[in-house]
Protein backbone atom coordinates (compact mmCIF):
# COMPACT_ATOMS: atom_id res chain seq x y z
CA UNK A 1 -69.39 86.48 -7.10
CA UNK A 2 -71.96 87.69 -4.62
CA UNK A 3 -69.82 90.68 -3.70
CA UNK A 4 -68.43 91.42 -7.16
CA UNK A 5 -71.57 91.10 -9.29
CA UNK A 6 -74.48 89.99 -7.08
CA UNK A 7 -74.40 86.80 -9.22
CA UNK A 8 -75.24 88.76 -12.37
CA UNK A 9 -73.27 87.29 -15.31
CA UNK A 10 -74.00 90.43 -17.34
CA UNK A 11 -72.78 92.88 -14.69
CA UNK A 12 -70.63 95.78 -15.87
CA UNK A 13 -69.06 98.22 -13.44
CA UNK A 14 -68.38 101.93 -13.88
CA UNK A 15 -64.71 100.95 -14.23
CA UNK A 16 -65.65 98.58 -17.11
CA UNK A 17 -65.17 95.35 -15.15
CA UNK A 18 -67.39 92.62 -16.57
CA UNK A 19 -69.17 89.42 -15.67
CA UNK A 20 -69.61 87.42 -12.49
CA UNK A 21 -66.09 88.04 -11.21
CA UNK A 22 -65.84 91.58 -12.58
CA UNK A 23 -62.74 91.13 -14.71
CA UNK A 24 -61.07 94.18 -16.22
CA UNK A 25 -60.45 93.60 -19.93
CA UNK A 26 -58.00 96.52 -20.11
CA UNK A 27 -55.85 94.94 -17.40
CA UNK A 28 -56.18 91.21 -18.13
CA UNK A 29 -57.06 91.05 -21.83
CA UNK A 30 -53.54 90.45 -23.15
CA UNK A 31 -52.50 88.19 -20.27
CA UNK A 32 -55.39 85.79 -20.86
CA UNK A 33 -55.75 86.38 -24.61
CA UNK A 34 -59.31 87.66 -24.22
CA UNK A 35 -60.47 88.42 -27.76
CA UNK A 36 -63.26 90.88 -26.91
CA UNK A 37 -64.58 92.43 -23.69
CA UNK A 38 -67.96 90.79 -24.26
CA UNK A 39 -66.28 87.37 -23.96
CA UNK A 40 -66.17 88.07 -20.23
CA UNK A 41 -69.94 87.60 -20.07
CA UNK A 42 -69.44 83.89 -20.74
CA UNK A 43 -69.95 82.39 -17.27
CA UNK A 44 -67.48 79.50 -17.49
CA UNK A 45 -64.80 81.64 -19.14
CA UNK A 46 -65.24 84.45 -16.61
CA UNK A 47 -64.94 82.11 -13.64
CA UNK A 48 -61.88 80.38 -15.11
CA UNK A 49 -60.05 83.66 -15.66
CA UNK A 50 -61.19 85.06 -12.29
CA UNK A 51 -59.78 82.01 -10.48
CA UNK A 52 -56.46 82.41 -12.30
CA UNK A 53 -56.32 86.09 -11.34
CA UNK A 54 -57.04 85.31 -7.69
CA UNK A 55 -54.37 82.60 -7.76
CA UNK A 56 -51.94 85.19 -9.18
CA UNK A 57 -52.67 87.55 -6.29
CA UNK A 58 -52.45 84.76 -3.72
CA UNK A 59 -48.94 83.95 -4.95
CA UNK A 60 -48.03 87.64 -4.99
CA UNK A 61 -49.21 87.96 -1.37
CA UNK A 62 -47.66 84.72 -0.10
CA UNK A 63 -51.06 83.10 0.47
CA UNK A 64 -52.57 86.04 2.38
CA UNK A 65 -56.19 85.81 1.25
CA UNK A 66 -57.20 89.22 2.62
CA UNK A 67 -54.45 91.02 0.70
CA UNK A 68 -55.10 88.92 -2.42
CA UNK A 69 -58.78 89.88 -2.33
CA UNK A 70 -57.92 93.56 -1.93
CA UNK A 71 -55.56 93.35 -4.93
CA UNK A 72 -58.17 91.48 -6.97
CA UNK A 73 -60.69 94.22 -6.30
CA UNK A 74 -58.17 97.03 -6.70
CA UNK A 75 -59.19 98.57 -3.41
CA UNK A 76 -57.43 99.73 -0.28
CA UNK A 77 -58.30 98.84 3.28
CA UNK A 78 -60.31 95.81 4.34
CA UNK A 79 -63.86 96.75 3.32
CA UNK A 80 -63.92 94.50 0.25
CA UNK A 81 -62.35 91.47 1.91
CA UNK A 82 -64.71 91.90 4.87
CA UNK A 83 -67.68 91.73 2.47
CA UNK A 84 -66.26 88.56 0.90
CA UNK A 85 -65.74 86.92 4.31
CA UNK A 86 -69.30 87.86 5.32
CA UNK A 87 -70.68 86.35 2.10
CA UNK A 88 -68.59 83.23 2.64
CA UNK A 89 -69.97 82.93 6.17
CA UNK A 90 -73.55 83.08 4.85
CA UNK A 91 -72.78 80.42 2.25
CA UNK A 92 -71.10 78.16 4.79
CA UNK A 93 -74.02 78.50 7.21
CA UNK A 94 -76.47 77.66 4.42
CA UNK A 95 -74.45 74.67 3.28
CA UNK A 96 -74.13 73.34 6.83
CA UNK A 97 -77.91 73.56 7.33
CA UNK A 98 -79.04 72.23 3.96
CA UNK A 99 -79.59 68.58 3.16
CA UNK A 100 -79.33 69.36 -0.57
CA UNK A 101 -75.53 69.55 -0.29
CA UNK A 102 -75.14 66.02 1.09
């Protein structure tokens, strides 16, 4: 979410991806029976669909997270997955140093 939308649930990309996990209605609308593109601004709905899409790409890539992330983002190379791993590292460091997660 940090990399896709900077945690903005109302984010909309130039490619028309929407919400926290930047889901493309034109690609995933029929698969997940999304009634209207604006439905993707619903936080819970967006996360649920985004997780299913990532799971789809993980299966397609035999569990290879880097390739699944690249497919999810629709990009080539490793720039996107590197950003995700960097964001994950920041989150993990925060969680490991915060008593609020205990």
